[in-house]
Amino acid sequence: MWHLQPQTQEFILNKIFAKVACELLGVDHVRLYHDQALVKNSSASKTPWHQDYFYWPIDSSKTVTMWLPLHDCPRNMGTMQFVKGSHMNANIKTMPISEESEQYF
């Protein structure tokens, strides 16, 4: 995003976000793989449970995703949720976003 919208660079490459990622991963440095804006209309269907890792061409599980809403998001808006412990199950690293992933979780 910051390549297409340079005014977002300062926000996306914020050192505080990088520091938190380093602390979570237990490393000294991190790289930004990609940034994106996800926009859904109020009539959009829900996204099935999934792991982002399936879509990344990265040869390491030492990754972290940051989801940051740009306005208040009450629970009834369908905010981001996490499945506790799902990162511990290697079997789902081969499962795309689908009804199968929804049922699995």
N, C-alpha and C. Protein backbone atom coordinates (compact mmCIF):
# COMPACT_ATOMS: atom_id res chain seq x y z
N MET A 1 0.81 -1.19 0.00
CA MET A 1 0.00 0.00 0.00
C MET A 1 0.85 1.26 0.00
N TRP A 2 1.93 1.23 0.79
CA TRP A 2 2.71 2.46 0.91
C TRP A 2 3.46 2.80 -0.36
N HIS A 3 3.64 1.85 -1.26
CA HIS A 3 4.24 2.16 -2.56
C HIS A 3 3.24 2.91 -3.45
N LEU A 4 1.96 2.57 -3.30
CA LEU A 4 0.92 3.20 -4.11
C LEU A 4 0.39 4.49 -3.48
N GLN A 5 0.42 4.54 -2.16
CA GLN A 5 -0.06 5.70 -1.42
C GLN A 5 1.05 6.16 -0.48
N PRO A 6 2.04 6.91 -0.97
CA PRO A 6 3.21 7.28 -0.15
C PRO A 6 2.86 7.95 1.19
N GLN A 7 1.72 8.59 1.28
CA GLN A 7 1.35 9.25 2.54
C GLN A 7 1.09 8.24 3.65
N THR A 8 0.95 6.96 3.33
CA THR A 8 0.74 5.93 4.36
C THR A 8 2.05 5.34 4.87
N GLN A 9 3.17 5.65 4.24
CA GLN A 9 4.46 5.04 4.58
C GLN A 9 4.83 5.23 6.05
N GLU A 10 4.71 6.44 6.57
CA GLU A 10 5.10 6.70 7.95
C GLU A 10 4.30 5.84 8.93
N PHE A 11 3.03 5.64 8.65
CA PHE A 11 2.17 4.82 9.50
C PHE A 11 2.51 3.34 9.36
N ILE A 12 2.59 2.83 8.15
CA ILE A 12 2.82 1.41 7.91
C ILE A 12 4.19 0.95 8.39
N LEU A 13 5.20 1.79 8.22
CA LEU A 13 6.56 1.43 8.62
C LEU A 13 6.92 1.94 10.02
N ASN A 14 5.91 2.20 10.83
CA ASN A 14 6.11 2.72 12.18
C ASN A 14 6.99 1.79 13.01
N LYS A 15 8.02 2.33 13.63
CA LYS A 15 8.97 1.54 14.42
C LYS A 15 8.33 0.89 15.64
N ILE A 16 7.27 1.46 16.15
CA ILE A 16 6.59 0.85 17.31
C ILE A 16 5.98 -0.49 16.90
N PHE A 17 5.36 -0.56 15.73
CA PHE A 17 4.78 -1.82 15.25
C PHE A 17 5.89 -2.86 15.07
N ALA A 18 7.02 -2.44 14.51
CA ALA A 18 8.15 -3.36 14.30
C ALA A 18 8.68 -3.86 15.65
N LYS A 19 8.75 -2.98 16.63
CA LYS A 19 9.25 -3.38 17.96
C LYS A 19 8.33 -4.41 18.59
N VAL A 20 7.04 -4.21 18.50
CA VAL A 20 6.08 -5.17 19.06
C VAL A 20 6.22 -6.52 18.34
N ALA A 21 6.35 -6.50 17.02
CA ALA A 21 6.53 -7.75 16.26
C ALA A 21 7.80 -8.46 16.71
N CYS A 22 8.89 -7.73 16.90
CA CYS A 22 10.14 -8.33 17.37
C CYS A 22 9.95 -8.99 18.73
N GLU A 23 9.27 -8.31 19.62
CA GLU A 23 9.04 -8.86 20.96
C GLU A 23 8.19 -10.12 20.90
N LEU A 24 7.16 -10.12 20.08
CA LEU A 24 6.30 -11.29 19.95
C LEU A 24 7.04 -12.49 19.37
N LEU A 25 7.92 -12.22 18.41
CA LEU A 25 8.66 -13.30 17.74
C LEU A 25 9.97 -13.67 18.43
N GLY A 26 10.42 -12.84 19.39
CA GLY A 26 11.67 -13.10 20.08
C GLY A 26 12.88 -12.93 19.17
N VAL A 27 12.85 -11.88 18.34
CA VAL A 27 13.95 -11.62 17.40
C VAL A 27 14.39 -10.16 17.53
N ASP A 28 15.52 -9.84 16.90
CA ASP A 28 16.04 -8.47 16.95
C ASP A 28 15.54 -7.59 15.81
N HIS A 29 15.19 -8.20 14.67
CA HIS A 29 14.76 -7.45 13.49
C HIS A 29 13.62 -8.18 12.79
N VAL A 30 12.77 -7.43 12.12
CA VAL A 30 11.69 -8.01 11.31
C VAL A 30 11.68 -7.35 9.94
N ARG A 31 11.06 -8.03 9.00
CA ARG A 31 10.84 -7.48 7.66
C ARG A 31 9.35 -7.44 7.41
N LEU A 32 8.93 -6.43 6.70
CA LEU A 32 7.53 -6.33 6.30
C LEU A 32 7.36 -7.13 5.02
N TYR A 33 6.56 -8.20 5.07
CA TYR A 33 6.31 -9.01 3.89
C TYR A 33 5.34 -8.29 2.96
N HIS A 34 4.21 -7.87 3.49
CA HIS A 34 3.27 -7.08 2.69
C HIS A 34 2.30 -6.33 3.58
N ASP A 35 1.72 -5.31 3.01
CA ASP A 35 0.68 -4.55 3.69
C ASP A 35 -0.49 -4.48 2.73
N GLN A 36 -1.67 -4.38 3.29
CA GLN A 36 -2.85 -4.30 2.45
C GLN A 36 -3.99 -3.67 3.22
N ALA A 37 -4.95 -3.18 2.49
CA ALA A 37 -6.18 -2.66 3.10
C ALA A 37 -7.30 -3.61 2.70
N LEU A 38 -8.01 -4.11 3.68
CA LEU A 38 -9.16 -4.96 3.43
C LEU A 38 -10.41 -4.15 3.75
N VAL A 39 -11.26 -4.02 2.77
CA VAL A 39 -12.48 -3.23 2.93
C VAL A 39 -13.67 -4.12 2.57
N LYS A 40 -14.61 -4.22 3.49
CA LYS A 40 -15.80 -5.04 3.25
C LYS A 40 -17.04 -4.17 3.41
N ASN A 41 -17.96 -4.33 2.49
CA ASN A 41 -19.26 -3.65 2.60
C ASN A 41 -20.06 -4.31 3.72
N SER A 42 -21.04 -3.60 4.24
CA SER A 42 -21.86 -4.14 5.32
C SER A 42 -22.64 -5.37 4.87
N SER A 43 -22.86 -5.53 3.58
CA SER A 43 -23.61 -6.68 3.08
C SER A 43 -22.71 -7.86 2.70
N ALA A 44 -21.40 -7.73 2.90
CA ALA A 44 -20.46 -8.79 2.53
C ALA A 44 -20.63 -10.01 3.43
N SER A 45 -20.36 -11.18 2.88
CA SER A 45 -20.45 -12.39 3.69
C SER A 45 -19.25 -12.47 4.63
N LYS A 46 -19.39 -13.25 5.68
CA LYS A 46 -18.30 -13.37 6.64
C LYS A 46 -17.16 -14.18 6.01
N THR A 47 -15.97 -13.94 6.49
CA THR A 47 -14.80 -14.69 6.04
C THR A 47 -14.67 -15.93 6.92
N PRO A 48 -14.59 -17.12 6.32
CA PRO A 48 -14.45 -18.34 7.13
C PRO A 48 -13.17 -18.30 7.97
N TRP A 49 -13.18 -19.04 9.08
CA TRP A 49 -11.99 -19.18 9.90
C TRP A 49 -10.87 -19.71 9.02
N HIS A 50 -9.65 -19.21 9.26
CA HIS A 50 -8.49 -19.63 8.46
C HIS A 50 -7.21 -19.16 9.12
N GLN A 51 -6.09 -19.62 8.57
CA GLN A 51 -4.79 -19.09 8.95
C GLN A 51 -4.23 -18.36 7.73
N ASP A 52 -3.70 -17.16 7.93
CA ASP A 52 -3.09 -16.41 6.83
C ASP A 52 -1.86 -17.12 6.27
N TYR A 53 -1.19 -17.86 7.12
CA TYR A 53 0.07 -18.52 6.76
C TYR A 53 -0.03 -19.32 5.47
N PHE A 54 -1.18 -19.92 5.19
CA PHE A 54 -1.39 -20.73 3.99
C PHE A 54 -1.03 -19.95 2.72
N TYR A 55 -1.26 -18.66 2.71
CA TYR A 55 -1.11 -17.84 1.51
C TYR A 55 0.27 -17.21 1.37
N TRP A 56 1.13 -17.37 2.35
CA TRP A 56 2.42 -16.69 2.32
C TRP A 56 3.52 -17.61 1.79
N PRO A 57 4.28 -17.16 0.80
CA PRO A 57 5.39 -17.97 0.29
C PRO A 57 6.64 -17.77 1.15
N ILE A 58 6.51 -18.09 2.42
CA ILE A 58 7.58 -17.87 3.39
C ILE A 58 7.97 -19.22 3.99
N ASP A 59 9.27 -19.47 4.06
CA ASP A 59 9.78 -20.75 4.53
C ASP A 59 10.07 -20.71 6.04
N SER A 60 9.16 -20.12 6.79
CA SER A 60 9.31 -20.03 8.24
C SER A 60 7.95 -19.79 8.86
N SER A 61 7.76 -20.34 10.03
CA SER A 61 6.51 -20.07 10.75
C SER A 61 6.68 -18.89 11.71
N LYS A 62 7.86 -18.28 11.73
CA LYS A 62 8.09 -17.10 12.59
C LYS A 62 7.54 -15.87 11.88
N THR A 63 6.23 -15.76 11.90
CA THR A 63 5.54 -14.65 11.25
C THR A 63 4.48 -14.10 12.21
N VAL A 64 4.06 -12.90 11.95
CA VAL A 64 3.01 -12.29 12.76
C VAL A 64 2.17 -11.40 11.84
N THR A 65 0.88 -11.39 12.10
CA THR A 65 -0.06 -10.55 11.36
C THR A 65 -0.55 -9.46 12.31
N MET A 66 -0.70 -8.27 11.80
CA MET A 66 -1.28 -7.20 12.59
C MET A 66 -2.54 -6.72 11.89
N TRP A 67 -3.63 -6.73 12.60
CA TRP A 67 -4.89 -6.20 12.10
C TRP A 67 -5.20 -4.95 12.89
N LEU A 68 -5.37 -3.85 12.22
CA LEU A 68 -5.59 -2.58 12.90
C LEU A 68 -6.78 -1.87 12.28
N PRO A 69 -7.90 -1.81 12.99
CA PRO A 69 -9.05 -1.08 12.44
C PRO A 69 -8.77 0.42 12.47
N LEU A 70 -9.32 1.12 11.51
CA LEU A 70 -9.10 2.56 11.42
C LEU A 70 -10.25 3.37 12.00
N HIS A 71 -11.22 2.67 12.60
CA HIS A 71 -12.31 3.33 13.31
C HIS A 71 -12.85 2.36 14.35
N ASP A 72 -13.69 2.83 15.24
CA ASP A 72 -14.26 1.97 16.27
C ASP A 72 -15.03 0.82 15.62
N CYS A 73 -14.86 -0.38 16.16
CA CYS A 73 -15.52 -1.57 15.62
C CYS A 73 -16.20 -2.33 16.75
N PRO A 74 -17.48 -2.05 16.98
CA PRO A 74 -18.18 -2.83 18.00
C PRO A 74 -18.30 -4.29 17.54
N ARG A 75 -18.44 -5.20 18.50
CA ARG A 75 -18.49 -6.63 18.21
C ARG A 75 -19.52 -6.98 17.15
N ASN A 76 -20.67 -6.31 17.13
CA ASN A 76 -21.72 -6.66 16.17
C ASN A 76 -21.37 -6.29 14.73
N MET A 77 -20.22 -5.65 14.52
CA MET A 77 -19.76 -5.37 13.16
C MET A 77 -19.02 -6.55 12.56
N GLY A 78 -18.81 -7.59 13.34
CA GLY A 78 -18.07 -8.74 12.82
C GLY A 78 -16.58 -8.53 12.87
N THR A 79 -16.08 -8.12 14.01
CA THR A 79 -14.67 -7.81 14.16
C THR A 79 -13.80 -9.06 14.10
N MET A 80 -12.50 -8.85 13.97
CA MET A 80 -11.52 -9.93 13.94
C MET A 80 -11.59 -10.72 15.24
N GLN A 81 -11.54 -12.03 15.12
CA GLN A 81 -11.49 -12.91 16.27
C GLN A 81 -10.40 -13.95 16.03
N PHE A 82 -9.93 -14.58 17.08
CA PHE A 82 -8.86 -15.56 16.99
C PHE A 82 -9.28 -16.85 17.67
N VAL A 83 -8.79 -17.97 17.16
CA VAL A 83 -9.04 -19.27 17.77
C VAL A 83 -7.83 -19.59 18.64
N LYS A 84 -8.03 -19.61 19.94
CA LYS A 84 -6.94 -19.86 20.89
C LYS A 84 -6.23 -21.18 20.56
N GLY A 85 -4.91 -21.10 20.44
CA GLY A 85 -4.10 -22.29 20.21
C GLY A 85 -4.03 -22.77 18.78
N SER A 86 -4.72 -22.10 17.85
CA SER A 86 -4.75 -22.57 16.46
C SER A 86 -3.38 -22.55 15.80
N HIS A 87 -2.49 -21.74 16.30
CA HIS A 87 -1.13 -21.68 15.74
C HIS A 87 -0.32 -22.93 16.07
N MET A 88 -0.82 -23.75 16.98
CA MET A 88 -0.11 -24.96 17.41
C MET A 88 -0.41 -26.16 16.51
N ASN A 89 -1.39 -26.04 15.61
CA ASN A 89 -1.81 -27.17 14.79
C ASN A 89 -1.24 -27.04 13.38
N ALA A 90 -0.24 -27.85 13.06
CA ALA A 90 0.43 -27.78 11.76
C ALA A 90 -0.46 -28.26 10.63
N ASN A 91 -1.47 -29.07 10.88
CA ASN A 91 -2.30 -29.63 9.83
C ASN A 91 -3.03 -28.58 9.01
N ILE A 92 -3.36 -27.47 9.61
CA ILE A 92 -4.16 -26.48 8.89
C ILE A 92 -3.33 -25.54 8.04
N LYS A 93 -2.01 -25.71 8.02
CA LYS A 93 -1.17 -24.86 7.18
C LYS A 93 -1.36 -25.16 5.70
N THR A 94 -2.12 -26.19 5.40
CA THR A 94 -2.39 -26.54 4.00
C THR A 94 -3.86 -26.35 3.66
N MET A 95 -4.58 -25.61 4.47
CA MET A 95 -6.02 -25.45 4.28
C MET A 95 -6.39 -24.02 3.87
N PRO A 96 -6.87 -23.84 2.64
CA PRO A 96 -7.26 -22.49 2.21
C PRO A 96 -8.54 -22.02 2.92
N ILE A 97 -8.84 -20.73 2.78
CA ILE A 97 -10.07 -20.17 3.33
C ILE A 97 -11.23 -20.84 2.59
N SER A 98 -12.06 -21.56 3.34
CA SER A 98 -13.12 -22.33 2.71
C SER A 98 -14.13 -22.79 3.77
N GLU A 99 -15.15 -23.49 3.32
CA GLU A 99 -16.10 -24.11 4.25
C GLU A 99 -15.38 -25.15 5.10
N GLU A 100 -14.39 -25.81 4.49
CA GLU A 100 -13.61 -26.82 5.23
C GLU A 100 -12.87 -26.16 6.40
N SER A 101 -12.24 -25.02 6.18
CA SER A 101 -11.53 -24.34 7.28
C SER A 101 -12.52 -23.84 8.32
N GLU A 102 -13.67 -23.37 7.88
CA GLU A 102 -14.72 -22.91 8.81
C GLU A 102 -15.16 -24.06 9.71
N GLN A 103 -15.41 -25.22 9.14
CA GLN A 103 -15.85 -26.39 9.90
C GLN A 103 -14.75 -26.89 10.83
N TYR A 104 -13.51 -26.82 10.37
CA TYR A 104 -12.39 -27.29 11.18
C TYR A 104 -12.32 -26.56 12.50
N PHE A 105 -12.48 -25.24 12.45
CA PHE A 105 -12.37 -24.44 13.65
C PHE A 105 -13.64 -24.46 14.45
